[in-house]
Full PDB file with SEQRES, HELIX, SHEET, SSBOND, CRYST1, ORIGX, SCALE, CONECT and MASTER records, all heavy atoms in Angstrom:
SEQRES   1 A   38  PHE ASP SER ALA ASP VAL ILE LEU PRO ILE ASN HIS TRP          
SEQRES   2 A   38  LEU GLN VAL THR GLY GLY SER SER PHE GLU TRP GLU ARG          
SEQRES   3 A   38  ALA GLU ALA GLY ALA LEU TRP HIS ALA ARG LYS ASP              
HELIX    1 AA1 LEU A   32  ALA A   35  5                                   4    
CRYST1    1.000    1.000    1.000  90.00  90.00  90.00 P 1           1          
ORIGX1      1.000000  0.000000  0.000000        0.00000                         
ORIGX2      0.000000  1.000000  0.000000        0.00000                         
ORIGX3      0.000000  0.000000  1.000000        0.00000                         
SCALE1      1.000000  0.000000  0.000000        0.00000                         
SCALE2      0.000000  1.000000  0.000000        0.00000                         
SCALE3      0.000000  0.000000  1.000000        0.00000                         
ATOM      1  N   PHE A   1     123.653  93.820 109.410  1.00  0.00           N  
ATOM      2  CA  PHE A   1     123.869  95.221 109.076  1.00  0.00           C  
ATOM      3  C   PHE A   1     122.537  95.972 109.133  1.00  0.00           C  
ATOM      4  O   PHE A   1     121.473  95.413 108.848  1.00  0.00           O  
ATOM      5  CB  PHE A   1     124.467  95.351 107.674  1.00  0.00           C  
ATOM      6  CG  PHE A   1     125.926  95.018 107.583  1.00  0.00           C  
ATOM      7  CD1 PHE A   1     126.347  93.779 107.098  1.00  0.00           C  
ATOM      8  CD2 PHE A   1     126.887  95.936 107.973  1.00  0.00           C  
ATOM      9  CE1 PHE A   1     127.699  93.474 106.999  1.00  0.00           C  
ATOM     10  CE2 PHE A   1     128.246  95.641 107.879  1.00  0.00           C  
ATOM     11  CZ  PHE A   1     128.648  94.398 107.392  1.00  0.00           C  
ATOM     12  N   ASP A   2     122.594  97.244 109.493  1.00  0.00           N  
ATOM     13  CA  ASP A   2     121.386  98.059 109.539  1.00  0.00           C  
ATOM     14  C   ASP A   2     120.769  98.190 108.152  1.00  0.00           C  
ATOM     15  O   ASP A   2     121.478  98.280 107.145  1.00  0.00           O  
ATOM     16  CB  ASP A   2     121.702  99.468 110.061  1.00  0.00           C  
ATOM     17  CG  ASP A   2     122.065  99.479 111.537  1.00  0.00           C  
ATOM     18  OD1 ASP A   2     121.736  98.505 112.241  1.00  0.00           O  
ATOM     19  OD2 ASP A   2     122.686 100.468 111.983  1.00  0.00           O  
ATOM     20  N   SER A   3     119.451  98.214 108.116  1.00  0.00           N  
ATOM     21  CA  SER A   3     118.746  98.428 106.853  1.00  0.00           C  
ATOM     22  C   SER A   3     119.209  99.730 106.216  1.00  0.00           C  
ATOM     23  O   SER A   3     119.395 100.744 106.897  1.00  0.00           O  
ATOM     24  CB  SER A   3     117.241  98.471 107.101  1.00  0.00           C  
ATOM     25  OG  SER A   3     116.545  98.654 105.890  1.00  0.00           O  
ATOM     26  N   ALA A   4     119.411  99.680 104.903  1.00  0.00           N  
ATOM     27  CA  ALA A   4     119.847 100.802 104.066  1.00  0.00           C  
ATOM     28  C   ALA A   4     121.350 101.026 104.102  1.00  0.00           C  
ATOM     29  O   ALA A   4     121.867 101.857 103.345  1.00  0.00           O  
ATOM     30  CB  ALA A   4     119.122 102.098 104.402  1.00  0.00           C  
ATOM     31  N   ASP A   5     122.111 100.302 104.939  1.00  0.00           N  
ATOM     32  CA  ASP A   5     123.567 100.389 104.881  1.00  0.00           C  
ATOM     33  C   ASP A   5     124.063  99.912 103.511  1.00  0.00           C  
ATOM     34  O   ASP A   5     123.619  98.876 103.005  1.00  0.00           O  
ATOM     35  CB  ASP A   5     124.217  99.500 105.953  1.00  0.00           C  
ATOM     36  CG  ASP A   5     124.279 100.154 107.316  1.00  0.00           C  
ATOM     37  OD1 ASP A   5     123.864 101.318 107.440  1.00  0.00           O  
ATOM     38  OD2 ASP A   5     124.751  99.476 108.259  1.00  0.00           O  
ATOM     39  N   VAL A   6     124.987 100.661 102.926  1.00  0.00           N  
ATOM     40  CA  VAL A   6     125.677 100.217 101.714  1.00  0.00           C  
ATOM     41  C   VAL A   6     126.901  99.420 102.156  1.00  0.00           C  
ATOM     42  O   VAL A   6     127.730  99.914 102.933  1.00  0.00           O  
ATOM     43  CB  VAL A   6     126.095 101.402 100.838  1.00  0.00           C  
ATOM     44  CG1 VAL A   6     126.866 100.918  99.614  1.00  0.00           C  
ATOM     45  CG2 VAL A   6     124.868 102.205 100.414  1.00  0.00           C  
ATOM     46  N   ILE A   7     127.021  98.189 101.671  1.00  0.00           N  
ATOM     47  CA  ILE A   7     127.998  97.236 102.189  1.00  0.00           C  
ATOM     48  C   ILE A   7     128.956  96.849 101.068  1.00  0.00           C  
ATOM     49  O   ILE A   7     128.538  96.549  99.946  1.00  0.00           O  
ATOM     50  CB  ILE A   7     127.284  95.988 102.741  1.00  0.00           C  
ATOM     51  CG1 ILE A   7     126.247  96.399 103.792  1.00  0.00           C  
ATOM     52  CG2 ILE A   7     128.290  95.020 103.342  1.00  0.00           C  
ATOM     53  CD1 ILE A   7     125.241  95.310 104.079  1.00  0.00           C  
ATOM     54  N   LEU A   8     130.254  96.815 101.400  1.00  0.00           N  
ATOM     55  CA  LEU A   8     131.304  96.575 100.411  1.00  0.00           C  
ATOM     56  C   LEU A   8     132.155  95.359 100.800  1.00  0.00           C  
ATOM     57  O   LEU A   8     132.506  95.198 101.971  1.00  0.00           O  
ATOM     58  CB  LEU A   8     132.223  97.791 100.310  1.00  0.00           C  
ATOM     59  CG  LEU A   8     131.561  99.142 100.032  1.00  0.00           C  
ATOM     60  CD1 LEU A   8     132.603 100.253 100.158  1.00  0.00           C  
ATOM     61  CD2 LEU A   8     130.910  99.168  98.667  1.00  0.00           C  
ATOM     62  N   PRO A   9     132.562  94.517  99.831  1.00  0.00           N  
ATOM     63  CA  PRO A   9     133.428  93.361 100.116  1.00  0.00           C  
ATOM     64  C   PRO A   9     134.901  93.767 100.158  1.00  0.00           C  
ATOM     65  O   PRO A   9     135.380  94.470  99.263  1.00  0.00           O  
ATOM     66  CB  PRO A   9     133.152  92.417  98.950  1.00  0.00           C  
ATOM     67  CG  PRO A   9     132.743  93.321  97.827  1.00  0.00           C  
ATOM     68  CD  PRO A   9     132.086  94.534  98.435  1.00  0.00           C  
ATOM     69  N   ILE A  10     135.624  93.309 101.187  1.00  0.00           N  
ATOM     70  CA  ILE A  10     137.021  93.721 101.365  1.00  0.00           C  
ATOM     71  C   ILE A  10     137.904  92.552 101.794  1.00  0.00           C  
ATOM     72  O   ILE A  10     137.436  91.520 102.289  1.00  0.00           O  
ATOM     73  CB  ILE A  10     137.163  94.839 102.427  1.00  0.00           C  
ATOM     74  CG1 ILE A  10     136.724  94.329 103.813  1.00  0.00           C  
ATOM     75  CG2 ILE A  10     136.395  96.081 102.014  1.00  0.00           C  
ATOM     76  CD1 ILE A  10     137.171  95.215 104.962  1.00  0.00           C  
ATOM     77  N   ASN A  11     139.211  92.772 101.634  1.00  0.00           N  
ATOM     78  CA  ASN A  11     140.258  91.945 102.241  1.00  0.00           C  
ATOM     79  C   ASN A  11     141.295  92.910 102.808  1.00  0.00           C  
ATOM     80  O   ASN A  11     141.984  93.598 102.061  1.00  0.00           O  
ATOM     81  CB  ASN A  11     140.863  91.027 101.198  1.00  0.00           C  
ATOM     82  CG  ASN A  11     141.954  90.103 101.727  1.00  0.00           C  
ATOM     83  OD1 ASN A  11     142.667  89.467 100.966  1.00  0.00           O  
ATOM     84  ND2 ASN A  11     142.112  89.999 103.039  1.00  0.00           N  
ATOM     85  N   HIS A  12     141.389  92.968 104.131  1.00  0.00           N  
ATOM     86  CA  HIS A  12     142.243  93.936 104.828  1.00  0.00           C  
ATOM     87  C   HIS A  12     143.423  93.183 105.440  1.00  0.00           C  
ATOM     88  O   HIS A  12     143.240  92.204 106.172  1.00  0.00           O  
ATOM     89  CB  HIS A  12     141.424  94.621 105.929  1.00  0.00           C  
ATOM     90  CG  HIS A  12     142.118  95.756 106.615  1.00  0.00           C  
ATOM     91  ND1 HIS A  12     141.845  97.073 106.339  1.00  0.00           N  
ATOM     92  CD2 HIS A  12     143.061  95.764 107.593  1.00  0.00           C  
ATOM     93  CE1 HIS A  12     142.576  97.860 107.119  1.00  0.00           C  
ATOM     94  NE2 HIS A  12     143.336  97.081 107.872  1.00  0.00           N  
ATOM     95  N   TRP A  13     144.646  93.674 105.158  1.00  0.00           N  
ATOM     96  CA  TRP A  13     145.870  92.976 105.570  1.00  0.00           C  
ATOM     97  C   TRP A  13     146.821  93.957 106.243  1.00  0.00           C  
ATOM     98  O   TRP A  13     147.105  95.033 105.723  1.00  0.00           O  
ATOM     99  CB  TRP A  13     146.516  92.358 104.336  1.00  0.00           C  
ATOM    100  CG  TRP A  13     147.950  91.933 104.437  1.00  0.00           C  
ATOM    101  CD1 TRP A  13     149.020  92.506 103.805  1.00  0.00           C  
ATOM    102  CD2 TRP A  13     148.492  90.825 105.169  1.00  0.00           C  
ATOM    103  NE1 TRP A  13     150.176  91.827 104.110  1.00  0.00           N  
ATOM    104  CE2 TRP A  13     149.881  90.787 104.941  1.00  0.00           C  
ATOM    105  CE3 TRP A  13     147.922  89.856 106.005  1.00  0.00           C  
ATOM    106  CZ2 TRP A  13     150.709  89.836 105.508  1.00  0.00           C  
ATOM    107  CZ3 TRP A  13     148.750  88.905 106.575  1.00  0.00           C  
ATOM    108  CH2 TRP A  13     150.130  88.894 106.326  1.00  0.00           C  
ATOM    109  N   LEU A  14     147.291  93.589 107.443  1.00  0.00           N  
ATOM    110  CA  LEU A  14     148.241  94.425 108.178  1.00  0.00           C  
ATOM    111  C   LEU A  14     149.225  93.520 108.909  1.00  0.00           C  
ATOM    112  O   LEU A  14     148.834  92.508 109.508  1.00  0.00           O  
ATOM    113  CB  LEU A  14     147.505  95.319 109.185  1.00  0.00           C  
ATOM    114  CG  LEU A  14     148.366  96.263 110.034  1.00  0.00           C  
ATOM    115  CD1 LEU A  14     149.057  97.304 109.156  1.00  0.00           C  
ATOM    116  CD2 LEU A  14     147.517  96.939 111.108  1.00  0.00           C  
ATOM    117  N   GLN A  15     150.517  93.897 108.877  1.00  0.00           N  
ATOM    118  CA  GLN A  15     151.564  93.068 109.470  1.00  0.00           C  
ATOM    119  C   GLN A  15     152.146  93.704 110.737  1.00  0.00           C  
ATOM    120  O   GLN A  15     152.077  94.917 110.923  1.00  0.00           O  
ATOM    121  CB  GLN A  15     152.686  92.876 108.441  1.00  0.00           C  
ATOM    122  CG  GLN A  15     152.206  92.165 107.201  1.00  0.00           C  
ATOM    123  CD  GLN A  15     153.187  92.289 106.065  1.00  0.00           C  
ATOM    124  OE1 GLN A  15     153.964  91.384 105.812  1.00  0.00           O  
ATOM    125  NE2 GLN A  15     153.168  93.409 105.370  1.00  0.00           N  
ATOM    126  N   VAL A  16     152.729  92.857 111.565  1.00  0.00           N  
ATOM    127  CA  VAL A  16     153.446  93.328 112.746  1.00  0.00           C  
ATOM    128  C   VAL A  16     154.935  93.100 112.520  1.00  0.00           C  
ATOM    129  O   VAL A  16     155.369  92.763 111.424  1.00  0.00           O  
ATOM    130  CB  VAL A  16     152.955  92.611 114.022  1.00  0.00           C  
ATOM    131  CG1 VAL A  16     151.521  93.012 114.317  1.00  0.00           C  
ATOM    132  CG2 VAL A  16     153.071  91.102 113.895  1.00  0.00           C  
ATOM    133  N   THR A  17     155.731  93.281 113.581  1.00  0.00           N  
ATOM    134  CA  THR A  17     157.186  93.155 113.477  1.00  0.00           C  
ATOM    135  C   THR A  17     157.580  91.836 112.810  1.00  0.00           C  
ATOM    136  O   THR A  17     157.075  90.768 113.168  1.00  0.00           O  
ATOM    137  CB  THR A  17     157.818  93.238 114.871  1.00  0.00           C  
ATOM    138  OG1 THR A  17     157.451  94.488 115.452  1.00  0.00           O  
ATOM    139  CG2 THR A  17     159.323  93.135 114.783  1.00  0.00           C  
ATOM    140  N   GLY A  18     158.461  91.933 111.838  1.00  0.00           N  
ATOM    141  CA  GLY A  18     158.957  90.742 111.167  1.00  0.00           C  
ATOM    142  C   GLY A  18     158.411  90.561 109.772  1.00  0.00           C  
ATOM    143  O   GLY A  18     159.087  90.077 108.885  1.00  0.00           O  
ATOM    144  N   GLY A  19     157.157  90.944 109.578  1.00  0.00           N  
ATOM    145  CA  GLY A  19     156.556  90.816 108.265  1.00  0.00           C  
ATOM    146  C   GLY A  19     156.290  89.368 107.892  1.00  0.00           C  
ATOM    147  O   GLY A  19     156.700  88.425 108.559  1.00  0.00           O  
ATOM    148  N   SER A  20     155.568  89.180 106.791  1.00  0.00           N  
ATOM    149  CA  SER A  20     155.225  87.840 106.341  1.00  0.00           C  
ATOM    150  C   SER A  20     154.724  87.896 104.912  1.00  0.00           C  
ATOM    151  O   SER A  20     154.214  88.928 104.463  1.00  0.00           O  
ATOM    152  CB  SER A  20     154.139  87.231 107.226  1.00  0.00           C  
ATOM    153  OG  SER A  20     153.743  85.967 106.730  1.00  0.00           O  
ATOM    154  N   SER A  21     154.836  86.796 104.200  1.00  0.00           N  
ATOM    155  CA  SER A  21     154.230  86.712 102.878  1.00  0.00           C  
ATOM    156  C   SER A  21     152.718  86.537 103.010  1.00  0.00           C  
ATOM    157  O   SER A  21     152.219  85.951 103.963  1.00  0.00           O  
ATOM    158  CB  SER A  21     154.806  85.530 102.098  1.00  0.00           C  
ATOM    159  OG  SER A  21     154.486  84.310 102.743  1.00  0.00           O  
ATOM    160  N   PHE A  22     151.981  87.096 102.037  1.00  0.00           N  
ATOM    161  CA  PHE A  22     150.530  86.926 101.972  1.00  0.00           C  
ATOM    162  C   PHE A  22     150.156  86.747 100.509  1.00  0.00           C  
ATOM    163  O   PHE A  22     150.433  87.610  99.682  1.00  0.00           O  
ATOM    164  CB  PHE A  22     149.813  88.135 102.576  1.00  0.00           C  
ATOM    165  CG  PHE A  22     148.321  88.136 102.367  1.00  0.00           C  
ATOM    166  CD1 PHE A  22     147.580  86.963 102.395  1.00  0.00           C  
ATOM    167  CD2 PHE A  22     147.642  89.325 102.128  1.00  0.00           C  
ATOM    168  CE1 PHE A  22     146.210  86.967 102.199  1.00  0.00           C  
ATOM    169  CE2 PHE A  22     146.263  89.348 101.940  1.00  0.00           C  
ATOM    170  CZ  PHE A  22     145.550  88.162 101.966  1.00  0.00           C  
ATOM    171  N   GLU A  23     149.537  85.599 100.197  1.00  0.00           N  
ATOM    172  CA  GLU A  23     149.234  85.256  98.814  1.00  0.00           C  
ATOM    173  C   GLU A  23     147.801  84.764  98.678  1.00  0.00           C  
ATOM    174  O   GLU A  23     147.279  84.092  99.575  1.00  0.00           O  
ATOM    175  CB  GLU A  23     150.204  84.159  98.328  1.00  0.00           C  
ATOM    176  CG  GLU A  23     151.671  84.563  98.438  1.00  0.00           C  
ATOM    177  CD  GLU A  23     152.640  83.409  98.242  1.00  0.00           C  
ATOM    178  OE1 GLU A  23     152.189  82.255  98.104  1.00  0.00           O  
ATOM    179  OE2 GLU A  23     153.859  83.671  98.234  1.00  0.00           O  
ATOM    180  N   TRP A  24     147.174  85.118  97.548  1.00  0.00           N  
ATOM    181  CA  TRP A  24     145.874  84.551  97.179  1.00  0.00           C  
ATOM    182  C   TRP A  24     146.109  83.306  96.345  1.00  0.00           C  
ATOM    183  O   TRP A  24     146.742  83.367  95.298  1.00  0.00           O  
ATOM    184  CB  TRP A  24     145.064  85.509  96.321  1.00  0.00           C  
ATOM    185  CG  TRP A  24     144.477  86.691  97.003  1.00  0.00           C  
ATOM    186  CD1 TRP A  24     144.387  86.920  98.347  1.00  0.00           C  
ATOM    187  CD2 TRP A  24     143.889  87.835  96.365  1.00  0.00           C  
ATOM    188  NE1 TRP A  24     143.782  88.134  98.584  1.00  0.00           N  
ATOM    189  CE2 TRP A  24     143.465  88.713  97.389  1.00  0.00           C  
ATOM    190  CE3 TRP A  24     143.688  88.198  95.028  1.00  0.00           C  
ATOM    191  CZ2 TRP A  24     142.845  89.937  97.104  1.00  0.00           C  
ATOM    192  CZ3 TRP A  24     143.079  89.401  94.741  1.00  0.00           C  
ATOM    193  CH2 TRP A  24     142.658  90.260  95.775  1.00  0.00           C  
ATOM    194  N   GLU A  25     145.588  82.188  96.798  1.00  0.00           N  
ATOM    195  CA  GLU A  25     145.508  81.024  95.933  1.00  0.00           C  
ATOM    196  C   GLU A  25     144.264  81.123  95.054  1.00  0.00           C  
ATOM    197  O   GLU A  25     144.252  80.690  93.903  1.00  0.00           O  
ATOM    198  CB  GLU A  25     145.473  79.744  96.770  1.00  0.00           C  
ATOM    199  CG  GLU A  25     145.659  78.482  95.963  1.00  0.00           C  
ATOM    200  CD  GLU A  25     146.003  77.303  96.842  1.00  0.00           C  
ATOM    201  OE1 GLU A  25     147.017  77.371  97.568  1.00  0.00           O  
ATOM    202  OE2 GLU A  25     145.243  76.311  96.814  1.00  0.00           O  
ATOM    203  N   ARG A  26     143.232  81.728  95.640  1.00  0.00           N  
ATOM    204  CA  ARG A  26     141.993  81.988  94.909  1.00  0.00           C  
ATOM    205  C   ARG A  26     141.261  83.099  95.638  1.00  0.00           C  
ATOM    206  O   ARG A  26     141.297  83.179  96.870  1.00  0.00           O  
ATOM    207  CB  ARG A  26     141.111  80.740  94.862  1.00  0.00           C  
ATOM    208  CG  ARG A  26     139.845  80.871  94.013  1.00  0.00           C  
ATOM    209  CD  ARG A  26     139.031  79.575  94.020  1.00  0.00           C  
ATOM    210  NE  ARG A  26     138.492  79.257  95.342  1.00  0.00           N  
ATOM    211  CZ  ARG A  26     138.976  78.342  96.178  1.00  0.00           C  
ATOM    212  NH1 ARG A  26     140.041  77.640  95.824  1.00  0.00           N  
ATOM    213  NH2 ARG A  26     138.430  78.128  97.350  1.00  0.00           N  
ATOM    214  N   ALA A  27     140.591  83.966  94.905  1.00  0.00           N  
ATOM    215  CA  ALA A  27     139.768  85.005  95.520  1.00  0.00           C  
ATOM    216  C   ALA A  27     138.529  85.202  94.666  1.00  0.00           C  
ATOM    217  O   ALA A  27     138.576  85.065  93.435  1.00  0.00           O  
ATOM    218  CB  ALA A  27     140.538  86.317  95.654  1.00  0.00           C  
ATOM    219  N   GLU A  28     137.423  85.522  95.329  1.00  0.00           N  
ATOM    220  CA  GLU A  28     136.141  85.615  94.630  1.00  0.00           C  
ATOM    221  C   GLU A  28     135.247  86.613  95.348  1.00  0.00           C  
ATOM    222  O   GLU A  28     135.239  86.700  96.570  1.00  0.00           O  
ATOM    223  CB  GLU A  28     135.477  84.228  94.621  1.00  0.00           C  
ATOM    224  CG  GLU A  28     134.152  84.141  93.906  1.00  0.00           C  
ATOM    225  CD  GLU A  28     133.585  82.722  93.914  1.00  0.00           C  
ATOM    226  OE1 GLU A  28     133.977  81.922  94.790  1.00  0.00           O  
ATOM    227  OE2 GLU A  28     132.752  82.424  93.052  1.00  0.00           O  
ATOM    228  N   ALA A  29     134.476  87.379  94.583  1.00  0.00           N  
ATOM    229  CA  ALA A  29     133.503  88.296  95.164  1.00  0.00           C  
ATOM    230  C   ALA A  29     132.398  88.525  94.153  1.00  0.00           C  
ATOM    231  O   ALA A  29     132.655  88.597  92.951  1.00  0.00           O  
ATOM    232  CB  ALA A  29     134.145  89.619  95.566  1.00  0.00           C  
ATOM    233  N   GLY A  30     131.180  88.630  94.649  1.00  0.00           N  
ATOM    234  CA  GLY A  30     130.068  88.882  93.744  1.00  0.00           C  
ATOM    235  C   GLY A  30     128.765  88.391  94.312  1.00  0.00           C  
ATOM    236  O   GLY A  30     128.606  88.245  95.534  1.00  0.00           O  
ATOM    237  N   ALA A  31     127.825  88.108  93.423  1.00  0.00           N  
ATOM    238  CA  ALA A  31     126.487  87.711  93.843  1.00  0.00           C  
ATOM    239  C   ALA A  31     126.517  86.405  94.619  1.00  0.00           C  
ATOM    240  O   ALA A  31     127.259  85.478  94.305  1.00  0.00           O  
ATOM    241  CB  ALA A  31     125.579  87.587  92.632  1.00  0.00           C  
ATOM    242  N   LEU A  32     125.663  86.313  95.620  1.00  0.00           N  
ATOM    243  CA  LEU A  32     125.622  85.156  96.505  1.00  0.00           C  
ATOM    244  C   LEU A  32     125.189  83.877  95.802  1.00  0.00           C  
ATOM    245  O   LEU A  32     125.460  82.786  96.273  1.00  0.00           O  
ATOM    246  CB  LEU A  32     124.678  85.471  97.668  1.00  0.00           C  
ATOM    247  CG  LEU A  32     124.617  84.513  98.843  1.00  0.00           C  
ATOM    248  CD1 LEU A  32     125.997  84.277  99.424  1.00  0.00           C  
ATOM    249  CD2 LEU A  32     123.682  85.054  99.912  1.00  0.00           C  
ATOM    250  N   TRP A  33     124.560  84.021  94.643  1.00  0.00           N  
ATOM    251  CA  TRP A  33     124.092  82.807  93.976  1.00  0.00           C  
ATOM    252  C   TRP A  33     125.240  81.895  93.561  1.00  0.00           C  
ATOM    253  O   TRP A  33     125.043  80.713  93.310  1.00  0.00           O  
ATOM    254  CB  TRP A  33     123.204  83.140  92.777  1.00  0.00           C  
ATOM    255  CG  TRP A  33     123.873  83.622  91.547  1.00  0.00           C  
ATOM    256  CD1 TRP A  33     124.259  84.890  91.269  1.00  0.00           C  
ATOM    257  CD2 TRP A  33     124.224  82.830  90.407  1.00  0.00           C  
ATOM    258  NE1 TRP A  33     124.834  84.953  90.031  1.00  0.00           N  
ATOM    259  CE2 TRP A  33     124.821  83.704  89.471  1.00  0.00           C  
ATOM    260  CE3 TRP A  33     124.089  81.486  90.074  1.00  0.00           C  
ATOM    261  CZ2 TRP A  33     125.291  83.269  88.241  1.00  0.00           C  
ATOM    262  CZ3 TRP A  33     124.563  81.051  88.845  1.00  0.00           C  
ATOM    263  CH2 TRP A  33     125.156  81.931  87.942  1.00  0.00           C  
ATOM    264  N   HIS A  34     126.470  82.406  93.540  1.00  0.00           N  
ATOM    265  CA  HIS A  34     127.609  81.539  93.234  1.00  0.00           C  
ATOM    266  C   HIS A  34     127.848  80.496  94.314  1.00  0.00           C  
ATOM    267  O   HIS A  34     128.544  79.507  94.081  1.00  0.00           O  
ATOM    268  CB  HIS A  34     128.872  82.383  93.041  1.00  0.00           C  
ATOM    269  CG  HIS A  34     128.865  83.132  91.759  1.00  0.00           C  
ATOM    270  ND1 HIS A  34     129.129  82.556  90.553  1.00  0.00           N  
ATOM    271  CD2 HIS A  34     128.589  84.433  91.491  1.00  0.00           C  
ATOM    272  CE1 HIS A  34     129.023  83.454  89.599  1.00  0.00           C  
ATOM    273  NE2 HIS A  34     128.697  84.602  90.142  1.00  0.00           N  
ATOM    274  N   ALA A  35     127.322  80.710  95.501  1.00  0.00           N  
ATOM    275  CA  ALA A  35     127.535  79.759  96.586  1.00  0.00           C  
ATOM    276  C   ALA A  35     126.700  78.499  96.418  1.00  0.00           C  
ATOM    277  O   ALA A  35     126.940  77.500  97.070  1.00  0.00           O  
ATOM    278  CB  ALA A  35     127.204  80.414  97.927  1.00  0.00           C  
ATOM    279  N   ARG A  36     125.696  78.522  95.548  1.00  0.00           N  
ATOM    280  CA  ARG A  36     124.841  77.346  95.397  1.00  0.00           C  
ATOM    281  C   ARG A  36     125.496  76.304  94.502  1.00  0.00           C  
ATOM    282  O   ARG A  36     126.416  76.598  93.748  1.00  0.00           O  
ATOM    283  CB  ARG A  36     123.480  77.748  94.827  1.00  0.00           C  
ATOM    284  CG  ARG A  36     123.484  78.170  93.361  1.00  0.00           C  
ATOM    285  CD  ARG A  36     122.096  78.688  93.008  1.00  0.00           C  
ATOM    286  NE  ARG A  36     122.052  79.226  91.655  1.00  0.00           N  
ATOM    287  CZ  ARG A  36     121.598  78.529  90.601  1.00  0.00           C  
ATOM    288  NH1 ARG A  36     121.199  77.293  90.745  1.00  0.00           N  
ATOM    289  NH2 ARG A  36     121.557  79.108  89.416  1.00  0.00           N  
ATOM    290  N   LYS A  37     124.996  75.071  94.565  1.00  0.00           N  
ATOM    291  CA  LYS A  37     125.441  74.028  93.656  1.00  0.00           C  
ATOM    292  C   LYS A  37     124.656  74.170  92.364  1.00  0.00           C  
ATOM    293  O   LYS A  37     123.432  74.040  92.343  1.00  0.00           O  
ATOM    294  CB  LYS A  37     125.226  72.646  94.278  1.00  0.00           C  
ATOM    295  CG  LYS A  37     125.989  72.445  95.574  1.00  0.00           C  
ATOM    296  CD  LYS A  37     127.490  72.580  95.368  1.00  0.00           C  
ATOM    297  CE  LYS A  37     128.239  72.330  96.663  1.00  0.00           C  
ATOM    298  NZ  LYS A  37     129.674  72.552  96.518  1.00  0.00           N  
ATOM    299  N   ASP A  38     125.333  74.460  91.286  1.00  0.00           N  
ATOM    300  CA  ASP A  38     124.698  74.765  90.006  1.00  0.00           C  
ATOM    301  C   ASP A  38     125.306  73.842  88.956  1.00  0.00           C  
ATOM    302  O   ASP A  38     126.520  73.650  88.932  1.00  0.00           O  
ATOM    303  CB  ASP A  38     124.961  76.241  89.654  1.00  0.00           C  
ATOM    304  CG  ASP A  38     124.296  76.681  88.378  1.00  0.00           C  
ATOM    305  OD1 ASP A  38     124.720  76.188  87.306  1.00  0.00           O  
ATOM    306  OD2 ASP A  38     123.374  77.515  88.448  1.00  0.00           O  
TER     307      ASP A  38                                                      
MASTER        0    0    0    1    0    0    0    6  306    1    0    3          
END                                                                             
């Protein structure tokens, strides 16, 4: 991303003909330090 861009976390969902179920088994957003082994 370009320097100074403000960046936002998203989940974007769109269906086509027929439709479908969409479920979160787990969802997470936040500081990157959660990705480490702690």
